[in-house]
N, C-alpha and C. Protein backbone atom coordinates (compact mmCIF):
# COMPACT_ATOMS: atom_id res chain seq x y z
N MET A 1 7.85 -2.75 -35.72
CA MET A 1 7.40 -3.81 -34.82
C MET A 1 6.80 -3.18 -33.57
N ASP A 2 5.65 -3.66 -33.16
CA ASP A 2 5.03 -3.22 -31.92
C ASP A 2 5.10 -4.33 -30.88
N VAL A 3 5.07 -3.93 -29.64
CA VAL A 3 5.10 -4.86 -28.51
C VAL A 3 3.69 -4.90 -27.93
N LEU A 4 3.23 -6.11 -27.59
CA LEU A 4 1.92 -6.27 -26.96
C LEU A 4 2.09 -6.08 -25.46
N GLN A 5 1.45 -5.05 -24.92
CA GLN A 5 1.52 -4.76 -23.48
C GLN A 5 0.32 -5.38 -22.80
N LEU A 6 0.60 -6.13 -21.73
CA LEU A 6 -0.44 -6.75 -20.91
C LEU A 6 -0.43 -6.12 -19.53
N ASP A 7 -1.54 -6.28 -18.80
CA ASP A 7 -1.49 -5.91 -17.38
C ASP A 7 -0.88 -7.10 -16.64
N ILE A 8 -0.68 -6.95 -15.36
CA ILE A 8 0.01 -7.98 -14.58
C ILE A 8 -0.72 -9.32 -14.60
N SER A 9 -2.05 -9.29 -14.82
CA SER A 9 -2.82 -10.53 -14.84
C SER A 9 -2.85 -11.18 -16.22
N GLY A 10 -2.25 -10.53 -17.22
CA GLY A 10 -2.18 -11.11 -18.55
C GLY A 10 -3.24 -10.62 -19.52
N ARG A 11 -3.99 -9.58 -19.15
CA ARG A 11 -5.01 -9.02 -20.03
C ARG A 11 -4.37 -8.00 -20.97
N PRO A 12 -4.61 -8.09 -22.27
CA PRO A 12 -4.03 -7.12 -23.20
C PRO A 12 -4.47 -5.70 -22.88
N GLN A 13 -3.52 -4.77 -22.97
CA GLN A 13 -3.82 -3.36 -22.73
C GLN A 13 -3.63 -2.52 -23.98
N ALA A 14 -2.52 -2.73 -24.69
CA ALA A 14 -2.23 -1.85 -25.83
C ALA A 14 -1.10 -2.43 -26.68
N TRP A 15 -1.02 -1.91 -27.89
CA TRP A 15 0.16 -2.11 -28.73
C TRP A 15 1.04 -0.89 -28.48
N ILE A 16 2.30 -1.12 -28.12
CA ILE A 16 3.21 0.00 -27.84
C ILE A 16 4.44 -0.11 -28.73
N SER A 17 5.10 1.01 -28.93
CA SER A 17 6.30 1.04 -29.76
C SER A 17 7.48 0.43 -29.01
N THR A 18 8.53 0.12 -29.72
CA THR A 18 9.74 -0.42 -29.07
C THR A 18 10.33 0.63 -28.13
N LYS A 19 10.21 1.89 -28.48
CA LYS A 19 10.71 2.97 -27.61
C LYS A 19 9.94 3.00 -26.29
N GLU A 20 8.59 2.89 -26.38
CA GLU A 20 7.78 2.86 -25.15
C GLU A 20 8.10 1.63 -24.32
N ALA A 21 8.32 0.49 -24.98
CA ALA A 21 8.68 -0.73 -24.26
C ALA A 21 10.02 -0.58 -23.56
N ALA A 22 10.97 0.05 -24.24
CA ALA A 22 12.30 0.24 -23.65
C ALA A 22 12.22 1.08 -22.37
N VAL A 23 11.35 2.08 -22.38
CA VAL A 23 11.16 2.91 -21.18
C VAL A 23 10.63 2.05 -20.03
N LEU A 24 9.70 1.14 -20.33
CA LEU A 24 9.16 0.26 -19.29
C LEU A 24 10.23 -0.68 -18.74
N TYR A 25 11.07 -1.23 -19.63
CA TYR A 25 12.18 -2.08 -19.18
C TYR A 25 13.14 -1.28 -18.32
N ALA A 26 13.52 -0.10 -18.78
CA ALA A 26 14.51 0.72 -18.07
C ALA A 26 14.01 1.19 -16.72
N SER A 27 12.70 1.38 -16.58
CA SER A 27 12.14 1.82 -15.30
C SER A 27 11.70 0.65 -14.43
N ASP A 28 12.08 -0.55 -14.81
CA ASP A 28 11.79 -1.77 -14.06
C ASP A 28 10.28 -1.98 -13.85
N ALA A 29 9.50 -1.62 -14.88
CA ALA A 29 8.05 -1.76 -14.79
C ALA A 29 7.55 -3.07 -15.42
N VAL A 30 8.46 -3.84 -16.04
CA VAL A 30 8.08 -5.10 -16.69
C VAL A 30 8.10 -6.22 -15.64
N ALA A 31 6.94 -6.84 -15.42
CA ALA A 31 6.82 -7.91 -14.43
C ALA A 31 7.25 -9.25 -15.03
N TRP A 32 6.82 -9.53 -16.25
CA TRP A 32 7.19 -10.77 -16.92
C TRP A 32 7.02 -10.61 -18.42
N THR A 33 7.61 -11.54 -19.16
CA THR A 33 7.59 -11.46 -20.62
C THR A 33 7.22 -12.82 -21.21
N LEU A 34 6.82 -12.80 -22.47
CA LEU A 34 6.56 -14.03 -23.21
C LEU A 34 7.23 -13.92 -24.58
N GLY A 35 7.61 -15.06 -25.11
CA GLY A 35 8.22 -15.09 -26.44
C GLY A 35 9.72 -14.87 -26.39
N GLN A 36 10.34 -15.17 -27.49
CA GLN A 36 11.78 -14.96 -27.63
C GLN A 36 12.07 -13.49 -27.88
N PRO A 37 13.21 -12.98 -27.37
CA PRO A 37 13.54 -11.58 -27.65
C PRO A 37 13.47 -11.32 -29.15
N CYS A 38 12.87 -10.19 -29.51
CA CYS A 38 12.66 -9.91 -30.93
C CYS A 38 13.36 -8.63 -31.39
N HIS A 39 13.91 -7.90 -30.44
CA HIS A 39 14.57 -6.64 -30.80
C HIS A 39 15.59 -6.32 -29.72
N VAL A 40 16.75 -5.87 -30.12
CA VAL A 40 17.80 -5.49 -29.16
C VAL A 40 18.11 -4.01 -29.35
N LEU A 41 18.08 -3.28 -28.23
CA LEU A 41 18.45 -1.87 -28.24
C LEU A 41 19.78 -1.74 -27.53
N ARG A 42 20.70 -1.02 -28.14
CA ARG A 42 22.02 -0.81 -27.54
C ARG A 42 22.18 0.66 -27.20
N GLY A 43 22.79 0.90 -26.03
CA GLY A 43 23.00 2.27 -25.58
C GLY A 43 24.47 2.61 -25.50
N GLY A 44 24.78 3.45 -24.55
CA GLY A 44 26.16 3.90 -24.39
C GLY A 44 27.02 2.90 -23.65
N TYR A 45 28.31 3.23 -23.54
CA TYR A 45 29.26 2.38 -22.85
C TYR A 45 29.50 2.91 -21.45
N GLN A 46 29.56 1.97 -20.50
CA GLN A 46 29.83 2.34 -19.12
C GLN A 46 31.31 2.65 -18.99
N ARG A 47 31.63 3.78 -18.37
CA ARG A 47 33.01 4.24 -18.30
C ARG A 47 33.91 3.29 -17.52
N ILE A 48 33.43 2.74 -16.41
CA ILE A 48 34.27 1.90 -15.55
C ILE A 48 34.49 0.52 -16.15
N THR A 49 33.40 -0.13 -16.58
CA THR A 49 33.52 -1.51 -17.08
C THR A 49 33.76 -1.58 -18.58
N GLY A 50 33.39 -0.54 -19.31
CA GLY A 50 33.53 -0.56 -20.76
C GLY A 50 32.43 -1.34 -21.45
N LEU A 51 31.43 -1.82 -20.67
CA LEU A 51 30.34 -2.59 -21.26
C LEU A 51 29.26 -1.66 -21.83
N GLN A 52 28.69 -2.09 -22.92
CA GLN A 52 27.62 -1.33 -23.56
C GLN A 52 26.28 -1.73 -22.95
N SER A 53 25.45 -0.74 -22.67
CA SER A 53 24.12 -1.07 -22.15
C SER A 53 23.30 -1.71 -23.28
N ARG A 54 22.41 -2.62 -22.87
CA ARG A 54 21.66 -3.39 -23.86
C ARG A 54 20.32 -3.81 -23.26
N ILE A 55 19.25 -3.64 -24.03
CA ILE A 55 17.93 -4.07 -23.60
C ILE A 55 17.38 -5.00 -24.68
N GLU A 56 17.03 -6.21 -24.28
CA GLU A 56 16.40 -7.16 -25.19
C GLU A 56 14.89 -7.05 -25.00
N LEU A 57 14.19 -6.70 -26.05
CA LEU A 57 12.74 -6.56 -25.99
C LEU A 57 12.06 -7.86 -26.39
N HIS A 58 11.04 -8.23 -25.65
CA HIS A 58 10.23 -9.40 -25.95
C HIS A 58 8.96 -8.94 -26.66
N PRO A 59 8.32 -9.80 -27.43
CA PRO A 59 7.12 -9.38 -28.16
C PRO A 59 5.91 -9.14 -27.27
N ILE A 60 5.93 -9.73 -26.06
CA ILE A 60 4.81 -9.59 -25.13
C ILE A 60 5.39 -9.26 -23.75
N ILE A 61 4.91 -8.16 -23.16
CA ILE A 61 5.38 -7.79 -21.82
C ILE A 61 4.19 -7.50 -20.92
N ALA A 62 4.30 -7.93 -19.67
CA ALA A 62 3.29 -7.62 -18.66
C ALA A 62 3.87 -6.52 -17.77
N VAL A 63 3.05 -5.52 -17.49
CA VAL A 63 3.51 -4.34 -16.76
C VAL A 63 2.98 -4.36 -15.35
N ARG A 64 3.87 -4.02 -14.40
CA ARG A 64 3.46 -3.92 -12.99
C ARG A 64 2.51 -2.75 -12.81
N GLY A 65 1.74 -2.82 -11.75
CA GLY A 65 0.88 -1.69 -11.42
C GLY A 65 -0.57 -2.08 -11.31
N ALA A 66 -1.39 -1.08 -11.04
CA ALA A 66 -2.83 -1.29 -10.85
C ALA A 66 -3.49 -1.70 -12.16
N ILE A 67 -4.50 -2.52 -12.03
CA ILE A 67 -5.25 -3.00 -13.19
C ILE A 67 -6.51 -2.15 -13.31
N PRO A 68 -6.67 -1.39 -14.41
CA PRO A 68 -7.91 -0.62 -14.57
C PRO A 68 -9.07 -1.58 -14.77
N SER A 69 -10.02 -1.57 -13.85
CA SER A 69 -11.07 -2.58 -13.85
C SER A 69 -12.13 -2.38 -14.94
N ARG A 70 -12.36 -1.14 -15.37
CA ARG A 70 -13.41 -0.89 -16.35
C ARG A 70 -12.94 -1.08 -17.78
N ALA A 71 -11.67 -0.84 -18.05
CA ALA A 71 -11.18 -0.80 -19.43
C ALA A 71 -11.47 -2.09 -20.20
N TRP A 72 -11.31 -3.23 -19.58
CA TRP A 72 -11.47 -4.48 -20.33
C TRP A 72 -12.92 -4.93 -20.44
N ARG A 73 -13.83 -4.25 -19.75
CA ARG A 73 -15.25 -4.61 -19.83
C ARG A 73 -15.98 -3.87 -20.93
N GLN A 74 -15.41 -2.79 -21.43
CA GLN A 74 -16.07 -1.98 -22.44
C GLN A 74 -15.96 -2.62 -23.81
N ALA A 75 -16.98 -2.37 -24.64
CA ALA A 75 -16.92 -2.84 -26.03
C ALA A 75 -15.82 -2.07 -26.74
N PRO A 76 -15.07 -2.72 -27.60
CA PRO A 76 -14.00 -2.02 -28.32
C PRO A 76 -14.58 -0.95 -29.25
N ALA A 77 -13.80 0.06 -29.50
CA ALA A 77 -14.23 1.14 -30.41
C ALA A 77 -14.43 0.58 -31.81
N LEU A 78 -15.47 1.03 -32.46
CA LEU A 78 -15.80 0.59 -33.82
C LEU A 78 -15.12 1.50 -34.83
N SER A 79 -14.43 0.90 -35.78
CA SER A 79 -13.83 1.65 -36.89
C SER A 79 -13.98 0.80 -38.15
N ASN A 80 -13.95 1.44 -39.30
CA ASN A 80 -14.10 0.69 -40.54
C ASN A 80 -13.00 -0.36 -40.73
N PRO A 81 -11.71 -0.02 -40.53
CA PRO A 81 -10.69 -1.06 -40.72
C PRO A 81 -10.91 -2.28 -39.82
N LYS A 82 -11.29 -2.05 -38.55
CA LYS A 82 -11.53 -3.18 -37.65
C LYS A 82 -12.78 -3.94 -38.06
N LEU A 83 -13.83 -3.24 -38.49
CA LEU A 83 -15.06 -3.89 -38.94
C LEU A 83 -14.79 -4.76 -40.16
N PHE A 84 -14.07 -4.22 -41.14
CA PHE A 84 -13.77 -4.97 -42.36
C PHE A 84 -12.92 -6.21 -42.05
N THR A 85 -11.98 -6.07 -41.13
CA THR A 85 -11.14 -7.22 -40.74
C THR A 85 -11.98 -8.25 -39.99
N ARG A 86 -12.85 -7.79 -39.08
CA ARG A 86 -13.73 -8.73 -38.37
C ARG A 86 -14.53 -9.56 -39.37
N ASP A 87 -15.02 -8.92 -40.42
CA ASP A 87 -15.86 -9.59 -41.40
C ASP A 87 -15.06 -10.18 -42.57
N ARG A 88 -13.72 -10.19 -42.42
CA ARG A 88 -12.81 -10.78 -43.41
C ARG A 88 -12.94 -10.17 -44.80
N HIS A 89 -13.31 -8.90 -44.86
CA HIS A 89 -13.46 -8.17 -46.13
C HIS A 89 -14.49 -8.80 -47.05
N VAL A 90 -15.50 -9.44 -46.44
CA VAL A 90 -16.56 -10.12 -47.20
C VAL A 90 -17.86 -9.34 -47.03
N CYS A 91 -18.51 -9.04 -48.15
CA CYS A 91 -19.80 -8.36 -48.12
C CYS A 91 -20.84 -9.30 -47.50
N ALA A 92 -21.58 -8.79 -46.53
CA ALA A 92 -22.58 -9.61 -45.83
C ALA A 92 -23.77 -9.95 -46.71
N TYR A 93 -23.93 -9.26 -47.84
CA TYR A 93 -25.08 -9.51 -48.71
C TYR A 93 -24.74 -10.40 -49.90
N CYS A 94 -23.68 -10.11 -50.63
CA CYS A 94 -23.36 -10.92 -51.81
C CYS A 94 -22.33 -12.01 -51.52
N GLY A 95 -21.61 -11.89 -50.41
CA GLY A 95 -20.65 -12.91 -50.02
C GLY A 95 -19.30 -12.85 -50.73
N HIS A 96 -19.05 -11.81 -51.51
CA HIS A 96 -17.78 -11.68 -52.22
C HIS A 96 -16.77 -10.92 -51.36
N ARG A 97 -15.50 -11.24 -51.58
CA ARG A 97 -14.39 -10.57 -50.87
C ARG A 97 -13.96 -9.35 -51.68
N PHE A 98 -13.69 -8.24 -50.98
CA PHE A 98 -13.31 -6.99 -51.64
C PHE A 98 -12.11 -6.36 -50.96
N HIS A 99 -11.46 -5.43 -51.67
CA HIS A 99 -10.42 -4.59 -51.07
C HIS A 99 -11.10 -3.55 -50.18
N PRO A 100 -10.44 -3.09 -49.14
CA PRO A 100 -11.07 -2.15 -48.20
C PRO A 100 -11.69 -0.91 -48.87
N GLU A 101 -11.05 -0.39 -49.90
CA GLU A 101 -11.59 0.83 -50.54
C GLU A 101 -12.90 0.56 -51.29
N GLN A 102 -13.24 -0.69 -51.50
CA GLN A 102 -14.50 -1.04 -52.17
C GLN A 102 -15.60 -1.40 -51.17
N LEU A 103 -15.29 -1.27 -49.87
CA LEU A 103 -16.24 -1.66 -48.83
C LEU A 103 -16.81 -0.45 -48.10
N THR A 104 -17.96 -0.67 -47.48
CA THR A 104 -18.61 0.37 -46.68
C THR A 104 -19.09 -0.23 -45.36
N ARG A 105 -19.29 0.64 -44.38
CA ARG A 105 -19.92 0.25 -43.13
C ARG A 105 -21.43 0.30 -43.37
N GLU A 106 -22.07 -0.84 -43.27
CA GLU A 106 -23.51 -0.94 -43.53
C GLU A 106 -24.25 -1.10 -42.21
N HIS A 107 -25.26 -0.26 -42.02
CA HIS A 107 -26.10 -0.35 -40.81
C HIS A 107 -27.31 -1.21 -41.14
N ILE A 108 -27.46 -2.32 -40.43
CA ILE A 108 -28.58 -3.23 -40.67
C ILE A 108 -29.90 -2.47 -40.49
N GLN A 109 -30.04 -1.82 -39.35
CA GLN A 109 -31.16 -0.91 -39.11
C GLN A 109 -30.61 0.48 -39.41
N PRO A 110 -31.06 1.14 -40.49
CA PRO A 110 -30.47 2.43 -40.88
C PRO A 110 -30.46 3.44 -39.73
N VAL A 111 -29.38 4.22 -39.67
CA VAL A 111 -29.23 5.25 -38.64
C VAL A 111 -30.39 6.25 -38.74
N SER A 112 -30.83 6.55 -39.95
CA SER A 112 -31.94 7.49 -40.13
C SER A 112 -33.26 6.95 -39.58
N ARG A 113 -33.26 5.64 -39.28
CA ARG A 113 -34.46 5.01 -38.72
C ARG A 113 -34.18 4.49 -37.31
N LYS A 114 -33.35 5.26 -36.60
CA LYS A 114 -33.01 5.00 -35.20
C LYS A 114 -32.09 3.79 -34.98
N GLY A 115 -31.38 3.38 -36.01
CA GLY A 115 -30.38 2.33 -35.86
C GLY A 115 -29.12 2.90 -35.23
N LYS A 116 -28.43 2.11 -34.45
CA LYS A 116 -27.23 2.57 -33.75
C LYS A 116 -25.98 2.27 -34.57
N ASP A 117 -24.97 3.10 -34.36
CA ASP A 117 -23.66 2.87 -34.96
C ASP A 117 -22.88 2.01 -33.97
N SER A 118 -23.16 0.71 -33.99
CA SER A 118 -22.57 -0.22 -33.02
C SER A 118 -22.15 -1.50 -33.71
N TRP A 119 -21.33 -2.28 -33.03
CA TRP A 119 -20.86 -3.55 -33.58
C TRP A 119 -22.03 -4.46 -33.95
N MET A 120 -23.10 -4.45 -33.16
CA MET A 120 -24.22 -5.36 -33.41
C MET A 120 -25.18 -4.88 -34.50
N ASN A 121 -25.02 -3.64 -34.94
CA ASN A 121 -25.87 -3.13 -36.02
C ASN A 121 -25.08 -2.87 -37.30
N CYS A 122 -23.79 -3.15 -37.28
CA CYS A 122 -22.95 -2.86 -38.45
C CYS A 122 -22.35 -4.13 -39.03
N ILE A 123 -22.34 -4.17 -40.34
CA ILE A 123 -21.68 -5.26 -41.07
C ILE A 123 -20.93 -4.62 -42.24
N THR A 124 -20.11 -5.43 -42.88
CA THR A 124 -19.36 -4.99 -44.05
C THR A 124 -20.20 -5.24 -45.29
N ALA A 125 -20.27 -4.24 -46.17
CA ALA A 125 -20.99 -4.41 -47.44
C ALA A 125 -20.20 -3.75 -48.56
N CYS A 126 -20.30 -4.32 -49.76
CA CYS A 126 -19.68 -3.68 -50.92
C CYS A 126 -20.54 -2.46 -51.27
N ARG A 127 -19.96 -1.57 -52.02
CA ARG A 127 -20.67 -0.33 -52.37
C ARG A 127 -21.96 -0.63 -53.14
N ALA A 128 -21.92 -1.61 -54.03
CA ALA A 128 -23.12 -1.93 -54.83
C ALA A 128 -24.26 -2.44 -53.96
N CYS A 129 -23.97 -3.36 -53.05
CA CYS A 129 -25.02 -3.90 -52.18
C CYS A 129 -25.54 -2.84 -51.22
N ASN A 130 -24.63 -2.01 -50.70
CA ASN A 130 -25.06 -0.95 -49.79
C ASN A 130 -26.00 0.02 -50.51
N GLY A 131 -25.68 0.37 -51.74
CA GLY A 131 -26.53 1.25 -52.52
C GLY A 131 -27.88 0.61 -52.85
N ARG A 132 -27.84 -0.69 -53.14
CA ARG A 132 -29.09 -1.39 -53.46
C ARG A 132 -30.02 -1.45 -52.24
N LYS A 133 -29.45 -1.68 -51.06
CA LYS A 133 -30.26 -1.75 -49.85
C LYS A 133 -30.82 -0.38 -49.48
N GLY A 134 -29.99 0.63 -49.66
CA GLY A 134 -30.43 2.00 -49.39
C GLY A 134 -30.86 2.20 -47.95
N ASN A 135 -31.94 2.93 -47.76
CA ASN A 135 -32.42 3.32 -46.44
C ASN A 135 -33.51 2.34 -45.95
N ARG A 136 -33.31 1.07 -46.23
CA ARG A 136 -34.30 0.05 -45.84
C ARG A 136 -33.62 -0.99 -44.96
N THR A 137 -34.42 -1.79 -44.29
CA THR A 137 -33.89 -2.94 -43.56
C THR A 137 -33.61 -4.03 -44.59
N PRO A 138 -32.80 -5.04 -44.24
CA PRO A 138 -32.56 -6.12 -45.19
C PRO A 138 -33.86 -6.81 -45.64
N GLU A 139 -34.80 -6.96 -44.73
CA GLU A 139 -36.08 -7.59 -45.07
C GLU A 139 -36.85 -6.76 -46.09
N GLU A 140 -36.90 -5.46 -45.88
CA GLU A 140 -37.60 -4.58 -46.81
C GLU A 140 -36.95 -4.57 -48.19
N ALA A 141 -35.62 -4.72 -48.23
CA ALA A 141 -34.88 -4.71 -49.49
C ALA A 141 -34.84 -6.09 -50.14
N GLY A 142 -35.34 -7.11 -49.43
CA GLY A 142 -35.28 -8.47 -49.97
C GLY A 142 -33.86 -9.02 -50.02
N MET A 143 -33.02 -8.60 -49.07
CA MET A 143 -31.62 -9.02 -49.03
C MET A 143 -31.36 -9.72 -47.70
N SER A 144 -30.81 -10.90 -47.74
CA SER A 144 -30.53 -11.61 -46.49
C SER A 144 -29.04 -11.52 -46.16
N LEU A 145 -28.75 -11.58 -44.87
CA LEU A 145 -27.36 -11.51 -44.39
C LEU A 145 -26.70 -12.88 -44.50
N MET A 146 -25.46 -12.90 -45.00
CA MET A 146 -24.69 -14.14 -45.11
C MET A 146 -24.06 -14.51 -43.76
N TYR A 147 -23.91 -13.53 -42.87
CA TYR A 147 -23.37 -13.76 -41.54
C TYR A 147 -23.95 -12.72 -40.60
N LEU A 148 -23.84 -12.97 -39.31
CA LEU A 148 -24.39 -12.07 -38.29
C LEU A 148 -23.28 -11.24 -37.66
N PRO A 149 -23.59 -10.03 -37.23
CA PRO A 149 -22.58 -9.21 -36.55
C PRO A 149 -22.35 -9.72 -35.12
N TYR A 150 -21.22 -9.35 -34.55
CA TYR A 150 -20.93 -9.65 -33.15
C TYR A 150 -19.94 -8.63 -32.62
N VAL A 151 -19.90 -8.52 -31.30
CA VAL A 151 -18.96 -7.61 -30.64
C VAL A 151 -17.66 -8.39 -30.39
N PRO A 152 -16.54 -7.91 -30.92
CA PRO A 152 -15.26 -8.61 -30.70
C PRO A 152 -14.86 -8.59 -29.22
N SER A 153 -14.24 -9.68 -28.79
CA SER A 153 -13.69 -9.74 -27.43
C SER A 153 -12.45 -8.86 -27.37
N LEU A 154 -11.92 -8.68 -26.17
CA LEU A 154 -10.71 -7.88 -25.99
C LEU A 154 -9.56 -8.45 -26.81
N HIS A 155 -9.40 -9.78 -26.79
CA HIS A 155 -8.30 -10.40 -27.54
C HIS A 155 -8.50 -10.24 -29.04
N GLU A 156 -9.75 -10.38 -29.50
CA GLU A 156 -10.04 -10.15 -30.92
C GLU A 156 -9.74 -8.71 -31.31
N ASP A 157 -10.11 -7.78 -30.44
CA ASP A 157 -9.88 -6.37 -30.72
C ASP A 157 -8.39 -6.09 -30.88
N MET A 158 -7.55 -6.73 -30.07
CA MET A 158 -6.11 -6.52 -30.20
C MET A 158 -5.61 -7.05 -31.55
N ILE A 159 -6.20 -8.15 -32.02
CA ILE A 159 -5.83 -8.66 -33.35
C ILE A 159 -6.31 -7.70 -34.42
N LEU A 160 -7.52 -7.18 -34.27
CA LEU A 160 -8.07 -6.25 -35.25
C LEU A 160 -7.26 -4.96 -35.32
N ARG A 161 -6.67 -4.55 -34.19
CA ARG A 161 -5.89 -3.32 -34.15
C ARG A 161 -4.46 -3.50 -34.63
N GLY A 162 -3.92 -4.72 -34.50
CA GLY A 162 -2.52 -4.96 -34.82
C GLY A 162 -2.26 -4.89 -36.31
N ARG A 163 -1.13 -4.34 -36.68
CA ARG A 163 -0.79 -4.27 -38.10
C ARG A 163 0.08 -5.46 -38.48
N ARG A 164 1.25 -5.53 -37.89
CA ARG A 164 2.16 -6.65 -38.16
C ARG A 164 2.33 -7.40 -36.85
N ILE A 165 1.54 -8.42 -36.67
CA ILE A 165 1.55 -9.17 -35.42
C ILE A 165 2.54 -10.33 -35.56
N LEU A 166 3.46 -10.41 -34.62
CA LEU A 166 4.45 -11.49 -34.63
C LEU A 166 3.79 -12.80 -34.22
N ALA A 167 4.41 -13.92 -34.59
CA ALA A 167 3.84 -15.24 -34.33
C ALA A 167 3.56 -15.46 -32.84
N ASP A 168 4.50 -15.08 -31.96
CA ASP A 168 4.30 -15.24 -30.52
C ASP A 168 3.08 -14.44 -30.05
N GLN A 169 2.92 -13.24 -30.56
CA GLN A 169 1.80 -12.39 -30.17
C GLN A 169 0.48 -12.99 -30.66
N MET A 170 0.46 -13.45 -31.92
CA MET A 170 -0.77 -14.02 -32.48
C MET A 170 -1.16 -15.29 -31.73
N GLU A 171 -0.19 -16.12 -31.41
CA GLU A 171 -0.48 -17.35 -30.66
C GLU A 171 -1.09 -17.03 -29.30
N PHE A 172 -0.54 -16.03 -28.62
CA PHE A 172 -1.06 -15.62 -27.31
C PHE A 172 -2.49 -15.12 -27.44
N LEU A 173 -2.75 -14.23 -28.39
CA LEU A 173 -4.08 -13.66 -28.55
C LEU A 173 -5.11 -14.69 -29.00
N LEU A 174 -4.75 -15.54 -29.96
CA LEU A 174 -5.69 -16.54 -30.47
C LEU A 174 -6.07 -17.58 -29.42
N ALA A 175 -5.21 -17.78 -28.42
CA ALA A 175 -5.50 -18.75 -27.37
C ALA A 175 -6.75 -18.37 -26.58
N SER A 176 -7.10 -17.08 -26.59
CA SER A 176 -8.28 -16.62 -25.84
C SER A 176 -9.42 -16.16 -26.74
N VAL A 177 -9.29 -16.38 -28.04
CA VAL A 177 -10.36 -16.01 -28.97
C VAL A 177 -11.35 -17.17 -29.03
N PRO A 178 -12.65 -16.87 -28.91
CA PRO A 178 -13.64 -17.94 -28.97
C PRO A 178 -13.59 -18.68 -30.31
N LYS A 179 -13.82 -19.97 -30.27
CA LYS A 179 -13.78 -20.78 -31.49
C LYS A 179 -14.86 -20.35 -32.49
N SER A 180 -15.89 -19.66 -32.02
CA SER A 180 -16.96 -19.20 -32.90
C SER A 180 -16.58 -17.91 -33.64
N SER A 181 -15.46 -17.31 -33.30
CA SER A 181 -15.02 -16.07 -33.91
C SER A 181 -14.61 -16.27 -35.37
N ARG A 182 -14.88 -15.29 -36.20
CA ARG A 182 -14.41 -15.35 -37.59
C ARG A 182 -12.89 -15.18 -37.66
N LEU A 183 -12.28 -14.72 -36.58
CA LEU A 183 -10.82 -14.56 -36.55
C LEU A 183 -10.11 -15.84 -36.14
N TYR A 184 -10.86 -16.78 -35.58
CA TYR A 184 -10.25 -18.01 -35.06
C TYR A 184 -9.67 -18.82 -36.22
N VAL A 185 -8.45 -19.24 -36.03
CA VAL A 185 -7.78 -20.08 -37.02
C VAL A 185 -7.45 -21.38 -36.30
N GLY A 186 -8.19 -22.43 -36.58
CA GLY A 186 -7.96 -23.64 -35.82
C GLY A 186 -8.14 -24.91 -36.52
């Protein structure tokens, strides 16, 4: 289980381990939390009182401190797993759903023809369609796109990065995902 770390204003920063979250709780760096406690860590016993130390971790924590102003303005890093999830594992040319190992990162404008390796130039394609298109544009290959690429928002990127997202975390992230997003469930 990972904990969703936010900055003090509620902007997602990272997925952190329960151990990293416990350090933030223990150092009094947690400003506020959301969701019901989802994990309890128990420590040693206090000699005088005999009570065991205990930290209840919440699925979402906001951390005190300075807010890095540039981090949330940058486009999220592009990776095949995130690209395939953004596109719901659907080939942009044939429209069929595939397992990740059957998919490729397809450049609409080929890299060899000055196309960029960016969210706006990349879509998900099955190996057969990618091979058929080859080193051509979709127009030159006579292949039309079933959907258009887009740059995921910060909240979408956190969903794309998360492996096992708890219900409280997903509800929080989806609340800020645009309704036009392919990740939006509404």
